[in-house]
Amino acid sequence: MKKRLLFVTLSLVLAACGSKEHPNSSSHADNLLIHTIDPTIAQLKDSVGEPSTLQTSSMLPLDRALTAAADDYGPRTGKWFEGDNGFNILTSTVYGEVKAGSDIGTGISKIPEGRSVRFQITSRDSKGKRLKLIMQEIATSTSLVDGRFDFIYKLPEQPNSNYILSIEILNTNDVVEDTFLCPVYVPAHELNARLTVKPPETAADQTELTLYNAGPTNLYFGYGYSIYHKEPDGWTLVPDDSAVEAIGLQAKPGETFVEKVMFPRKLEAGQYRLVKRLNGYMTDLTATLAADFKVR
């Protein structure tokens, strides 16, 4: 991310002694900030993991996950979860791509007269077929507490895994009248990515960076970067106070993200290093990558 350099003006007010601020104190402070060596920048690399080999995600596409799970459940008839009955009373449902160890499930605020609701969590293989019933609960109108019933399951710390959260409405004969299926995926816990910078043209005021994701986890990041200049003692930050649009971006395995790099001022000839931070989507993985370029 672009880092904003905050210029600090030092002022010493000694009223009792009638002292005055040194005329060069502000510029001296600015100079110290700009030329501070950051030793961590020298340790950064342009890649994390093994970006030369693409590793695909095991996350099942929504349609494939639902099609595979349909063999284990009754159809979604629309009798209760949509249509005239308007059974849109599932609240705070957590599903989709989620972090390992987090809670998934749903809450329900009403159960139809004479019906019960069956909740299940099942694990799935790479083709979406059922592996194991992990958790099941059946609720009736008497199960509601303060007008609500919550079905919650804490996922294990097992990356690259697929699950199905299912909600079924049963009649008095335990016949399924309607089904609602929610695919769940826990991402792989691994980053493989590379950052490069296009060599700028002579006297150019811009270039571009390229971030490649070799998988298997989606990369999560934003616009922005930091530029450092190599000096005899190390790397120093090139000040930049321009605004950066705060938007969360993702790159799937095999995808490349390209971002325009605007130089904050005319750069003197020398060696520069562009630094960008990224995360593994729905994981605790982070990486800070650095790619070098020269200004001639």
Protein backbone atom coordinates (compact mmCIF):
# COMPACT_ATOMS: atom_id res chain seq x y z
CA MET A 1 0.00 0.00 0.00
CA LYS A 2 1.15 3.49 -0.64
CA LYS A 3 2.33 4.91 2.58
CA ARG A 4 1.63 8.47 3.36
CA LEU A 5 4.58 10.27 4.76
CA LEU A 6 3.58 12.59 7.50
CA PHE A 7 5.75 15.69 7.68
CA VAL A 8 6.30 16.81 11.21
CA THR A 9 7.15 20.32 12.23
CA LEU A 10 9.08 20.54 15.44
CA SER A 11 8.44 23.57 17.58
CA LEU A 12 9.88 24.34 20.96
CA VAL A 13 7.98 27.00 22.82
CA LEU A 14 9.85 28.15 25.89
CA ALA A 15 7.74 31.11 26.94
CA ALA A 16 9.46 31.64 30.25
CA CYS A 17 12.86 32.06 28.61
CA GLY A 18 11.61 33.83 25.49
CA SER A 19 13.31 31.18 23.29
CA LYS A 20 12.56 30.94 19.52
CA GLU A 21 12.26 27.94 17.16
CA HIS A 22 15.40 27.28 15.17
CA PRO A 23 14.71 28.46 11.59
CA ASN A 24 15.85 25.16 10.06
CA SER A 25 14.15 22.76 12.52
CA SER A 26 11.21 21.84 10.25
CA SER A 27 13.30 21.07 7.18
CA HIS A 28 15.74 19.14 9.36
CA ALA A 29 12.90 16.91 10.67
CA ASP A 30 11.61 16.32 7.14
CA ASN A 31 15.07 15.34 6.01
CA LEU A 32 15.40 12.83 8.86
CA LEU A 33 12.07 11.22 7.99
CA ILE A 34 12.75 10.96 4.26
CA HIS A 35 16.24 9.50 4.63
CA THR A 36 15.53 7.01 7.41
CA ILE A 37 16.88 3.61 6.44
CA ASP A 38 14.37 0.74 6.68
CA PRO A 39 16.44 -2.44 7.20
CA THR A 40 13.44 -4.73 6.65
CA ILE A 41 13.11 -3.73 3.00
CA ALA A 42 16.45 -5.32 2.11
CA GLN A 43 15.17 -8.71 3.32
CA LEU A 44 12.10 -8.80 1.08
CA LYS A 45 11.79 -11.05 -1.98
CA ASP A 46 9.75 -10.82 -5.15
CA SER A 47 7.95 -14.10 -4.53
CA VAL A 48 6.43 -16.32 -1.86
CA GLY A 49 6.29 -20.10 -2.05
CA GLU A 50 6.84 -21.74 -5.44
CA PRO A 51 5.11 -19.54 -8.03
CA SER A 52 6.58 -21.45 -10.98
CA THR A 53 4.02 -24.26 -10.54
CA LEU A 54 0.28 -23.57 -10.64
CA GLN A 55 -1.75 -25.20 -7.88
CA THR A 56 -5.50 -25.09 -8.40
CA SER A 57 -8.08 -24.69 -5.66
CA SER A 58 -10.28 -27.61 -4.63
CA MET A 59 -13.24 -25.28 -4.18
CA LEU A 60 -16.24 -26.67 -6.06
CA PRO A 61 -18.15 -24.30 -8.35
CA LEU A 62 -21.59 -23.55 -6.94
CA ASP A 63 -23.55 -25.42 -9.61
CA ARG A 64 -21.34 -28.51 -9.36
CA ALA A 65 -21.53 -28.56 -5.56
CA LEU A 66 -25.33 -28.33 -5.63
CA THR A 67 -25.68 -30.94 -8.38
CA ALA A 68 -23.47 -33.43 -6.53
CA ALA A 69 -25.29 -32.86 -3.24
CA ALA A 70 -28.71 -33.26 -4.85
CA ASP A 71 -28.29 -37.05 -4.77
CA ASP A 72 -28.43 -36.93 -0.95
CA TYR A 73 -31.41 -34.60 -0.51
CA GLY A 74 -34.89 -33.92 -1.73
CA PRO A 75 -35.48 -31.15 -4.28
CA ARG A 76 -35.82 -27.48 -3.55
CA THR A 77 -39.54 -27.30 -4.22
CA GLY A 78 -40.04 -23.70 -3.20
CA LYS A 79 -42.92 -24.62 -0.91
CA TRP A 80 -41.28 -23.08 2.16
CA PHE A 81 -38.06 -21.37 1.15
CA GLU A 82 -39.58 -19.24 -1.60
CA GLY A 83 -42.82 -18.54 -3.43
CA ASP A 84 -46.22 -17.84 -1.87
CA ASN A 85 -45.34 -19.05 1.62
CA GLY A 86 -42.39 -16.66 1.77
CA PHE A 87 -40.40 -18.76 4.21
CA ASN A 88 -37.50 -16.31 4.07
CA ILE A 89 -36.89 -16.56 7.77
CA LEU A 90 -33.37 -17.96 7.77
CA THR A 91 -31.20 -15.38 9.47
CA SER A 92 -27.46 -14.76 9.67
CA THR A 93 -26.60 -17.75 7.49
CA VAL A 94 -22.83 -18.26 7.23
CA TYR A 95 -21.64 -20.25 4.23
CA GLY A 96 -19.54 -19.89 1.08
CA GLU A 97 -15.78 -19.43 1.45
CA VAL A 98 -14.93 -19.32 5.15
CA LYS A 99 -11.85 -19.42 7.35
CA ALA A 100 -10.76 -22.67 9.00
CA GLY A 101 -11.90 -22.87 12.61
CA SER A 102 -14.73 -20.38 12.16
CA ASP A 103 -18.44 -20.94 12.83
CA ILE A 104 -20.92 -21.77 10.09
CA GLY A 105 -24.64 -22.32 10.37
CA THR A 106 -27.91 -20.45 10.33
CA GLY A 107 -30.62 -19.10 12.57
CA ILE A 108 -34.35 -19.56 12.10
CA SER A 109 -37.07 -17.37 13.55
CA LYS A 110 -40.14 -19.43 12.68
CA ILE A 111 -41.01 -23.08 12.12
CA PRO A 112 -44.20 -23.81 10.14
CA GLU A 113 -47.12 -25.34 11.99
CA GLY A 114 -46.82 -29.13 12.26
CA ARG A 115 -43.36 -29.17 10.68
CA SER A 116 -39.82 -29.78 11.85
CA VAL A 117 -36.52 -28.52 10.47
CA ARG A 118 -33.51 -30.79 9.98
CA PHE A 119 -30.07 -29.16 9.88
CA GLN A 120 -26.98 -31.05 8.71
CA ILE A 121 -23.29 -30.47 8.05
CA THR A 122 -21.67 -33.02 5.73
CA SER A 123 -18.11 -33.18 4.41
CA ARG A 124 -17.56 -33.57 0.65
CA ASP A 125 -14.87 -35.01 -1.59
CA SER A 126 -13.25 -33.25 -4.57
CA LYS A 127 -16.24 -34.15 -6.75
CA GLY A 128 -18.81 -32.99 -4.23
CA LYS A 129 -19.86 -36.46 -3.12
CA ARG A 130 -20.77 -37.02 0.51
CA LEU A 131 -17.99 -38.27 2.77
CA LYS A 132 -19.40 -38.04 6.27
CA LEU A 133 -22.27 -36.67 8.33
CA ILE A 134 -20.55 -34.36 10.79
CA MET A 135 -23.44 -32.78 12.68
CA GLN A 136 -27.23 -32.96 12.71
CA GLU A 137 -30.01 -31.28 14.68
CA ILE A 138 -33.78 -31.39 14.33
CA ALA A 139 -35.82 -28.46 15.60
CA THR A 140 -39.55 -27.99 16.15
CA SER A 141 -41.59 -25.01 17.24
CA THR A 142 -40.83 -25.93 20.86
CA SER A 143 -37.09 -25.60 20.14
CA LEU A 144 -37.29 -21.86 19.67
CA VAL A 145 -35.72 -19.75 22.40
CA ASP A 146 -36.92 -16.15 22.48
CA GLY A 147 -38.39 -16.74 19.03
CA ARG A 148 -35.22 -18.12 17.48
CA PHE A 149 -33.28 -21.33 16.94
CA ASP A 150 -29.59 -21.30 15.99
CA PHE A 151 -27.72 -24.15 14.35
CA ILE A 152 -23.96 -23.54 14.65
CA TYR A 153 -20.94 -25.70 13.88
CA LYS A 154 -17.30 -24.81 14.43
CA LEU A 155 -15.23 -25.93 11.45
CA PRO A 156 -12.06 -27.93 12.10
CA GLU A 157 -8.63 -26.53 11.27
CA GLN A 158 -8.58 -28.51 8.05
CA PRO A 159 -7.71 -26.48 4.92
CA ASN A 160 -8.84 -27.10 1.34
CA SER A 161 -12.09 -28.78 2.40
CA ASN A 162 -15.65 -28.75 1.05
CA TYR A 163 -18.85 -29.06 3.08
CA ILE A 164 -22.61 -28.77 2.63
CA LEU A 165 -24.86 -26.99 5.11
CA SER A 166 -28.40 -28.30 4.54
CA ILE A 167 -31.77 -27.17 5.90
CA GLU A 168 -34.82 -29.38 5.26
CA ILE A 169 -38.49 -28.88 6.13
CA LEU A 170 -40.16 -32.15 7.19
CA ASN A 171 -43.89 -32.86 7.56
CA THR A 172 -45.43 -34.96 10.33
CA ASN A 173 -44.50 -38.14 8.44
CA ASP A 174 -40.85 -37.03 8.17
CA VAL A 175 -41.24 -36.52 4.43
CA VAL A 176 -39.05 -33.71 3.09
CA GLU A 177 -41.18 -30.88 1.69
CA ASP A 178 -38.40 -28.42 0.81
CA THR A 179 -34.61 -28.25 0.91
CA PHE A 180 -32.09 -25.43 1.10
CA LEU A 181 -28.42 -26.28 0.42
CA CYS A 182 -25.41 -24.07 1.16
CA PRO A 183 -21.94 -25.09 -0.10
CA VAL A 184 -19.05 -24.26 2.24
CA TYR A 185 -15.34 -24.20 1.39
CA VAL A 186 -12.30 -23.77 3.63
CA PRO A 187 -9.37 -22.43 1.53
CA ALA A 188 -5.97 -24.05 1.33
CA HIS A 189 -3.42 -22.64 3.77
CA GLU A 190 -0.67 -21.87 1.27
CA LEU A 191 0.54 -18.86 -0.75
CA ASN A 192 2.45 -19.02 -4.02
CA ALA A 193 2.78 -15.69 -5.81
CA ARG A 194 5.22 -13.43 -7.65
CA LEU A 195 5.49 -9.65 -8.01
CA THR A 196 7.21 -7.98 -10.98
CA VAL A 197 7.63 -4.39 -12.16
CA LYS A 198 7.89 -3.35 -15.79
CA PRO A 199 11.14 -1.43 -16.46
CA PRO A 200 10.07 2.21 -16.91
CA GLU A 201 10.86 4.14 -20.07
CA THR A 202 13.49 6.85 -19.86
CA ALA A 203 12.04 10.01 -18.24
CA ALA A 204 8.70 8.24 -17.70
CA ASP A 205 6.53 9.20 -14.74
CA GLN A 206 4.85 5.80 -14.47
CA THR A 207 5.18 2.07 -15.00
CA GLU A 208 3.15 -0.96 -13.94
CA LEU A 209 3.31 -3.85 -11.50
CA THR A 210 2.14 -7.40 -12.11
CA LEU A 211 1.02 -9.77 -9.36
CA TYR A 212 0.67 -13.43 -10.35
CA ASN A 213 -1.14 -15.97 -8.19
CA ALA A 214 0.07 -19.57 -8.53
CA GLY A 215 -2.57 -20.77 -6.04
CA PRO A 216 -4.03 -22.67 -4.44
CA THR A 217 -5.45 -19.87 -2.25
CA ASN A 218 -7.10 -16.74 -3.61
CA LEU A 219 -4.99 -13.64 -3.04
CA TYR A 220 -6.67 -10.74 -1.26
CA PHE A 221 -5.20 -7.24 -1.49
CA GLY A 222 -5.94 -3.63 -2.38
CA TYR A 223 -4.68 -0.92 -4.66
CA GLY A 224 -1.46 0.76 -3.62
CA TYR A 225 2.21 0.09 -3.03
CA SER A 226 5.31 1.72 -1.56
CA ILE A 227 8.44 2.73 -3.46
CA TYR A 228 11.90 2.72 -1.89
CA HIS A 229 15.17 4.18 -3.20
CA LYS A 230 18.45 2.36 -2.70
CA GLU A 231 21.11 4.53 -1.05
CA PRO A 232 24.61 3.61 0.14
CA ASP A 233 23.33 2.68 3.61
CA GLY A 234 20.11 0.94 2.57
CA TRP A 235 16.57 1.53 1.35
CA THR A 236 14.66 4.78 2.03
CA LEU A 237 10.99 5.48 1.40
CA VAL A 238 10.04 7.72 -1.51
CA PRO A 239 7.41 10.07 0.00
CA ASP A 240 3.94 9.85 -1.52
CA ASP A 241 0.85 11.55 -0.12
CA SER A 242 -1.58 10.68 -2.92
CA ALA A 243 -4.88 9.02 -1.98
CA VAL A 244 -5.51 5.34 -2.59
CA GLU A 245 -8.95 3.95 -3.37
CA ALA A 246 -9.93 1.50 -0.61
CA ILE A 247 -11.22 -1.50 -2.55
CA GLY A 248 -10.68 -5.15 -1.69
CA LEU A 249 -9.42 -7.13 -4.69
CA GLN A 250 -8.93 -10.84 -5.34
CA ALA A 251 -6.83 -12.90 -7.73
CA LYS A 252 -7.76 -16.54 -8.19
CA PRO A 253 -5.16 -19.26 -8.84
CA GLY A 254 -3.69 -18.73 -12.30
CA GLU A 255 -4.83 -15.10 -12.51
CA THR A 256 -2.63 -12.04 -13.00
CA PHE A 257 -3.37 -8.59 -11.57
CA VAL A 258 -1.86 -5.53 -13.26
CA GLU A 259 -1.77 -2.12 -11.57
CA LYS A 260 -0.54 1.21 -12.90
CA VAL A 261 2.33 2.64 -10.85
CA MET A 262 2.51 6.43 -10.74
CA PHE A 263 5.76 7.97 -9.53
CA PRO A 264 5.01 10.60 -6.85
CA ARG A 265 7.69 12.88 -8.27
CA LYS A 266 10.50 12.80 -10.80
CA LEU A 267 12.80 10.02 -9.66
CA GLU A 268 16.53 10.45 -9.86
CA ALA A 269 18.55 7.76 -11.61
CA GLY A 270 19.17 4.70 -9.47
CA GLN A 271 17.82 1.45 -8.08
CA TYR A 272 14.27 1.31 -6.70
CA ARG A 273 12.16 -1.30 -4.97
CA LEU A 274 8.37 -1.51 -5.12
CA VAL A 275 6.71 -3.15 -2.11
CA LYS A 276 3.19 -4.57 -1.98
CA ARG A 277 1.39 -6.45 0.78
CA LEU A 278 -1.11 -9.25 0.19
CA ASN A 279 -3.13 -11.83 2.11
CA GLY A 280 -4.53 -15.29 1.56
CA TYR A 281 -8.31 -14.87 1.29
CA MET A 282 -10.09 -16.29 4.33
CA THR A 283 -6.81 -17.33 5.93
CA ASP A 284 -4.35 -15.76 8.37
CA LEU A 285 -1.59 -15.86 5.73
CA THR A 286 0.13 -12.61 4.76
CA ALA A 287 3.11 -11.77 2.58
CA THR A 288 5.00 -8.61 1.67
CA LEU A 289 6.64 -8.81 -1.75
CA ALA A 290 9.22 -6.50 -3.32
CA ALA A 291 10.24 -6.13 -6.97
CA ASP A 292 13.19 -4.02 -8.15
CA PHE A 293 13.41 -1.64 -11.09
CA LYS A 294 15.92 0.91 -12.35
CA VAL A 295 15.47 4.53 -13.34
CA ARG A 296 18.00 5.66 -15.93
